[in-house]
């Protein structure tokens, strides 16, 4: 288990914040509009609603009648309130049969916080039951994921103690300070970390958290050498989109074939460009 004194911790936090802000700005420039609305079985789109004004909702354009959509809430890098910052990636997830709710309005500005993730879960649960809601009876409110990139991953940590959360997923993220490690002890649902390799400013943070999460927690850590901005800006979110959809299909839909990407010594991501660690899977 790694330890740091106060000076090391302060330097680490300062350097990480500067690098995270710089790479977040780079991501915002590089992530253009999606060339297609996902590769899954559903054509995906994003929309907004006055009932959840400060968010962007990604969904199948035509809500399926024979499948309830699990709920995924998303925190953006930099904790920025731009709901289309990760458009390519989130459309890909939605096209696989999920309702995805991102912090911030399309092209929005300003900041976000973890409470917005909880608000998104609350809204989805209410909409599934609300008379005349377009989502009434279409959502699987017993299957919920909290996810986020960089600063948004820390928001996901904060929201993950909600008993409704079934999995937590951190992308290029990890705790910035040991003073916040108490949040790791509250984790109760399977967790996945996906980092951009040694050149990812958050890679070491994720490794440090990996050593500190509850020992009995089902957990996966995958590292792909793509840096802090990952593959989010590629069509359909690139490799991150593919792997993220597999994790969610396994953890929220019970798709054991998708789970084979992460389990066992011969897992689908084993012996590939990914470097992985597994625990209790």
Protein backbone atom coordinates (compact mmCIF):
# COMPACT_ATOMS: atom_id res chain seq x y z
CA UNK A 1 0.00 0.00 0.00
CA UNK A 2 1.45 3.34 -1.02
CA UNK A 3 2.00 6.14 1.48
CA UNK A 4 2.82 9.81 0.99
CA UNK A 5 3.77 12.57 3.39
CA UNK A 6 1.93 15.91 3.44
CA UNK A 7 4.38 17.69 1.11
CA UNK A 8 4.28 14.87 -1.43
CA UNK A 9 0.49 14.84 -1.25
CA UNK A 10 0.22 18.60 -1.81
CA UNK A 11 2.60 18.49 -4.77
CA UNK A 12 0.72 15.54 -6.22
CA UNK A 13 -2.64 17.28 -5.95
CA UNK A 14 -1.31 20.53 -7.45
CA UNK A 15 0.38 18.82 -10.40
CA UNK A 16 -2.61 16.60 -11.03
CA UNK A 17 -5.08 19.49 -11.05
CA UNK A 18 -3.01 21.47 -13.56
CA UNK A 19 -2.55 18.46 -15.83
CA UNK A 20 -6.18 17.41 -15.58
CA UNK A 21 -7.41 20.85 -16.58
CA UNK A 22 -4.99 21.00 -19.51
CA UNK A 23 -5.91 17.56 -20.80
CA UNK A 24 -9.61 18.25 -20.33
CA UNK A 25 -9.29 21.28 -22.58
CA UNK A 26 -7.51 19.11 -25.16
CA UNK A 27 -10.30 16.55 -25.01
CA UNK A 28 -12.95 19.21 -25.52
CA UNK A 29 -11.21 20.31 -28.72
CA UNK A 30 -10.58 16.83 -30.10
CA UNK A 31 -13.99 15.27 -29.44
CA UNK A 32 -16.11 16.34 -32.41
CA UNK A 33 -19.65 15.32 -33.29
CA UNK A 34 -20.27 11.59 -33.56
CA UNK A 35 -20.09 10.29 -37.12
CA UNK A 36 -22.80 7.75 -36.33
CA UNK A 37 -25.24 7.25 -33.48
CA UNK A 38 -23.54 4.19 -32.04
CA UNK A 39 -22.91 0.65 -33.28
CA UNK A 40 -25.45 -1.12 -31.07
CA UNK A 41 -28.88 -2.46 -32.00
CA UNK A 42 -30.56 0.91 -31.37
CA UNK A 43 -30.11 4.23 -33.14
CA UNK A 44 -29.13 6.58 -30.34
CA UNK A 45 -29.72 10.29 -29.81
CA UNK A 46 -29.42 12.87 -27.08
CA UNK A 47 -32.10 15.18 -25.78
CA UNK A 48 -32.91 17.47 -22.87
CA UNK A 49 -35.86 17.91 -20.53
CA UNK A 50 -37.10 20.76 -18.37
CA UNK A 51 -37.64 18.25 -15.56
CA UNK A 52 -33.85 17.70 -15.38
CA UNK A 53 -32.71 20.96 -16.88
CA UNK A 54 -28.97 20.82 -16.19
CA UNK A 55 -28.37 17.43 -17.81
CA UNK A 56 -28.21 15.77 -21.22
CA UNK A 57 -30.06 12.49 -21.79
CA UNK A 58 -28.72 9.87 -24.22
CA UNK A 59 -31.20 7.19 -25.26
CA UNK A 60 -32.35 4.94 -28.07
CA UNK A 61 -34.30 7.17 -30.43
CA UNK A 62 -37.17 4.70 -30.27
CA UNK A 63 -37.53 3.27 -26.79
CA UNK A 64 -37.75 -0.53 -27.06
CA UNK A 65 -40.97 -2.20 -25.98
CA UNK A 66 -39.41 -5.54 -25.10
CA UNK A 67 -36.43 -4.35 -23.04
CA UNK A 68 -36.13 -2.06 -20.04
CA UNK A 69 -33.13 0.26 -20.16
CA UNK A 70 -30.64 0.25 -17.25
CA UNK A 71 -29.67 3.70 -15.97
CA UNK A 72 -26.14 5.10 -16.35
CA UNK A 73 -25.20 8.51 -14.93
CA UNK A 74 -22.06 10.29 -16.12
CA UNK A 75 -19.68 12.94 -14.75
CA UNK A 76 -17.55 14.86 -17.26
CA UNK A 77 -13.82 15.45 -17.18
CA UNK A 78 -12.87 18.64 -15.40
CA UNK A 79 -16.29 18.46 -13.67
CA UNK A 80 -17.45 20.62 -16.58
CA UNK A 81 -21.14 21.16 -17.31
CA UNK A 82 -20.97 20.27 -21.01
CA UNK A 83 -23.33 17.38 -21.58
CA UNK A 84 -22.01 16.70 -25.09
CA UNK A 85 -18.32 16.72 -24.19
CA UNK A 86 -18.29 12.90 -24.46
CA UNK A 87 -20.97 12.64 -27.15
CA UNK A 88 -19.35 9.87 -29.22
CA UNK A 89 -18.79 7.61 -26.24
CA UNK A 90 -22.18 8.18 -24.60
CA UNK A 91 -24.11 7.66 -27.84
CA UNK A 92 -22.33 4.34 -28.21
CA UNK A 93 -23.40 3.28 -24.72
CA UNK A 94 -26.99 4.39 -25.34
CA UNK A 95 -27.08 2.46 -28.64
CA UNK A 96 -26.45 -0.72 -26.62
CA UNK A 97 -29.73 -0.29 -24.77
CA UNK A 98 -29.02 2.06 -21.86
CA UNK A 99 -30.41 5.37 -20.69
CA UNK A 100 -27.36 7.59 -20.09
CA UNK A 101 -27.65 10.90 -18.26
CA UNK A 102 -24.66 13.24 -18.42
CA UNK A 103 -24.07 16.23 -16.17
CA UNK A 104 -24.56 19.53 -18.00
CA UNK A 105 -26.62 20.69 -20.95
CA UNK A 106 -25.41 20.23 -24.56
CA UNK A 107 -22.46 22.56 -25.07
CA UNK A 108 -22.96 23.91 -21.57
CA UNK A 109 -20.46 25.71 -19.37
CA UNK A 110 -19.72 26.03 -15.69
CA UNK A 111 -19.12 23.32 -13.14
CA UNK A 112 -20.86 20.24 -11.78
CA UNK A 113 -20.91 18.23 -8.58
CA UNK A 114 -21.72 14.73 -7.39
CA UNK A 115 -25.22 15.73 -6.30
CA UNK A 116 -26.11 16.08 -9.99
CA UNK A 117 -25.47 12.36 -10.48
CA UNK A 118 -27.83 11.51 -7.65
CA UNK A 119 -30.40 13.94 -9.08
CA UNK A 120 -30.16 12.11 -12.40
CA UNK A 121 -30.87 8.75 -10.74
CA UNK A 122 -33.80 10.26 -8.83
CA UNK A 123 -35.24 11.73 -12.04
CA UNK A 124 -34.98 8.45 -13.94
CA UNK A 125 -36.68 6.50 -11.15
CA UNK A 126 -39.48 9.06 -11.02
CA UNK A 127 -39.89 9.14 -14.81
CA UNK A 128 -40.28 5.38 -14.99
CA UNK A 129 -43.33 5.69 -12.74
CA UNK A 130 -44.72 9.11 -13.74
CA UNK A 131 -48.03 9.13 -15.58
CA UNK A 132 -47.62 10.36 -19.18
CA UNK A 133 -43.82 10.20 -18.99
CA UNK A 134 -42.28 8.95 -22.26
CA UNK A 135 -40.04 6.73 -20.11
CA UNK A 136 -42.86 5.18 -18.07
CA UNK A 137 -42.30 1.43 -17.88
CA UNK A 138 -39.20 1.62 -20.10
CA UNK A 139 -36.45 1.85 -17.46
CA UNK A 140 -34.79 -0.78 -15.30
CA UNK A 141 -34.58 1.20 -12.09
CA UNK A 142 -32.97 -1.76 -10.30
CA UNK A 143 -29.88 -1.54 -12.53
CA UNK A 144 -27.84 1.64 -12.03
CA UNK A 145 -24.25 2.60 -12.85
CA UNK A 146 -22.31 5.72 -11.89
CA UNK A 147 -19.42 6.59 -14.20
CA UNK A 148 -17.13 9.51 -14.86
CA UNK A 149 -13.89 10.62 -16.47
CA UNK A 150 -11.09 12.36 -14.55
CA UNK A 151 -12.76 14.85 -12.16
CA UNK A 152 -16.08 13.27 -13.12
CA UNK A 153 -14.77 9.98 -11.79
CA UNK A 154 -14.28 11.57 -8.39
CA UNK A 155 -17.92 12.70 -8.61
CA UNK A 156 -18.80 9.07 -9.33
CA UNK A 157 -16.92 8.01 -6.21
CA UNK A 158 -18.94 10.49 -4.14
CA UNK A 159 -22.26 9.28 -5.56
CA UNK A 160 -21.39 5.58 -5.37
CA UNK A 161 -22.44 5.09 -1.75
CA UNK A 162 -26.08 5.35 -2.93
CA UNK A 163 -27.59 1.92 -2.23
CA UNK A 164 -29.20 1.95 -5.70
CA UNK A 165 -25.79 1.85 -7.43
CA UNK A 166 -24.91 -1.54 -8.91
CA UNK A 167 -21.51 -0.66 -10.37
CA UNK A 168 -19.03 2.21 -10.29
CA UNK A 169 -16.78 2.88 -13.30
CA UNK A 170 -13.85 5.29 -13.28
CA UNK A 171 -12.20 6.42 -16.50
CA UNK A 172 -8.74 8.05 -16.25
CA UNK A 173 -9.46 8.89 -12.64
CA UNK A 174 -8.54 8.30 -9.02
CA UNK A 175 -8.46 10.08 -5.69
CA UNK A 176 -6.29 13.20 -5.64
CA UNK A 177 -5.75 13.18 -1.89
CA UNK A 178 -5.30 10.53 0.77
CA UNK A 179 -7.61 12.67 2.91
CA UNK A 180 -10.47 11.39 0.76
CA UNK A 181 -9.61 7.70 1.00
CA UNK A 182 -12.51 7.17 3.39
CA UNK A 183 -14.76 7.29 0.34
CA UNK A 184 -13.12 4.11 -0.94
CA UNK A 185 -14.18 2.24 2.19
CA UNK A 186 -17.83 3.05 1.40
CA UNK A 187 -17.76 1.27 -1.97
CA UNK A 188 -20.28 -1.56 -1.99
CA UNK A 189 -20.76 -2.45 -5.67
CA UNK A 190 -18.45 -3.98 -8.29
CA UNK A 191 -16.00 -1.39 -9.62
CA UNK A 192 -13.95 -0.99 -12.78
CA UNK A 193 -11.02 1.31 -13.45
CA UNK A 194 -9.95 2.11 -17.01
CA UNK A 195 -6.79 4.18 -17.41
CA UNK A 196 -4.71 5.49 -20.29
CA UNK A 197 -1.46 3.87 -19.20
CA UNK A 198 1.65 5.45 -17.64
CA UNK A 199 1.22 8.68 -19.62
CA UNK A 200 -2.23 9.17 -18.09
CA UNK A 201 -1.88 11.71 -15.25
CA UNK A 202 -4.50 9.74 -13.27
CA UNK A 203 -2.92 6.30 -13.81
CA UNK A 204 -0.98 6.25 -10.54
CA UNK A 205 -4.02 7.59 -8.68
CA UNK A 206 -6.08 4.64 -9.93
CA UNK A 207 -3.36 2.17 -8.95
CA UNK A 208 -3.19 3.67 -5.48
CA UNK A 209 -6.97 3.40 -5.10
CA UNK A 210 -6.84 -0.21 -6.34
CA UNK A 211 -4.68 -1.05 -3.33
CA UNK A 212 -7.13 0.60 -0.93
CA UNK A 213 -10.62 -0.50 -2.01
CA UNK A 214 -12.34 -3.17 0.15
CA UNK A 215 -10.56 -6.48 -0.34
CA UNK A 216 -13.74 -8.43 -1.01
CA UNK A 217 -15.08 -6.06 -3.66
CA UNK A 218 -15.40 -7.44 -7.21
CA UNK A 219 -13.01 -5.23 -9.17
CA UNK A 220 -11.31 -4.87 -12.55
CA UNK A 221 -8.49 -2.58 -13.65
CA UNK A 222 -7.64 -2.16 -17.30
CA UNK A 223 -4.87 0.03 -18.69
CA UNK A 224 -4.58 0.94 -22.37
CA UNK A 225 -1.69 3.10 -23.56
CA UNK A 226 -3.79 6.01 -24.87
CA UNK A 227 -3.09 8.80 -22.34
CA UNK A 228 -5.46 10.79 -20.20
CA UNK A 229 -7.97 11.69 -22.93
CA UNK A 230 -8.39 8.03 -23.91
CA UNK A 231 -10.33 7.15 -27.06
CA UNK A 232 -13.47 9.12 -26.21
CA UNK A 233 -13.17 11.41 -29.24
CA UNK A 234 -12.88 8.57 -31.75
CA UNK A 235 -15.96 7.40 -33.67
CA UNK A 236 -18.27 5.56 -31.26
CA UNK A 237 -15.81 6.22 -28.44
CA UNK A 238 -13.19 3.88 -29.90
CA UNK A 239 -11.92 1.06 -27.71
CA UNK A 240 -13.26 2.76 -24.59
CA UNK A 241 -16.75 2.67 -26.09
CA UNK A 242 -16.48 -1.02 -26.91
CA UNK A 243 -15.12 -2.08 -23.53
CA UNK A 244 -17.37 0.24 -21.53
CA UNK A 245 -20.46 -1.20 -23.22
CA UNK A 246 -19.28 -4.74 -22.42
CA UNK A 247 -18.80 -3.94 -18.73
CA UNK A 248 -22.26 -2.37 -18.47
CA UNK A 249 -23.94 -5.22 -20.37
CA UNK A 250 -22.39 -7.65 -17.91
CA UNK A 251 -22.97 -5.79 -14.68
CA UNK A 252 -26.38 -4.24 -15.45
CA UNK A 253 -27.92 -6.72 -17.89
CA UNK A 254 -26.42 -9.97 -16.65
CA UNK A 255 -24.84 -10.71 -20.04
CA UNK A 256 -22.34 -13.43 -19.17
CA UNK A 257 -20.89 -13.48 -22.67
CA UNK A 258 -19.98 -9.80 -22.26
CA UNK A 259 -18.52 -10.66 -18.85
CA UNK A 260 -16.03 -13.03 -20.46
CA UNK A 261 -14.07 -9.95 -21.53
CA UNK A 262 -13.13 -9.42 -17.88
CA UNK A 263 -13.11 -12.79 -16.10
CA UNK A 264 -10.64 -15.64 -15.94
CA UNK A 265 -7.03 -16.01 -16.99
CA UNK A 266 -8.10 -16.26 -20.63
CA UNK A 267 -10.46 -13.26 -20.53
CA UNK A 268 -11.25 -11.35 -23.69
CA UNK A 269 -8.96 -8.47 -22.69
CA UNK A 270 -6.19 -10.79 -21.52
CA UNK A 271 -3.22 -11.15 -23.88
CA UNK A 272 -4.25 -8.01 -25.77
CA UNK A 273 -2.93 -4.45 -25.73
CA UNK A 274 -4.73 -4.01 -22.42
CA UNK A 275 -2.86 -4.57 -19.16
CA UNK A 276 -5.28 -5.86 -16.57
CA UNK A 277 -5.79 -6.80 -12.95
CA UNK A 278 -8.75 -8.77 -11.59
CA UNK A 279 -10.18 -9.31 -8.14
CA UNK A 280 -13.16 -11.38 -6.97
CA UNK A 281 -14.68 -11.61 -10.45
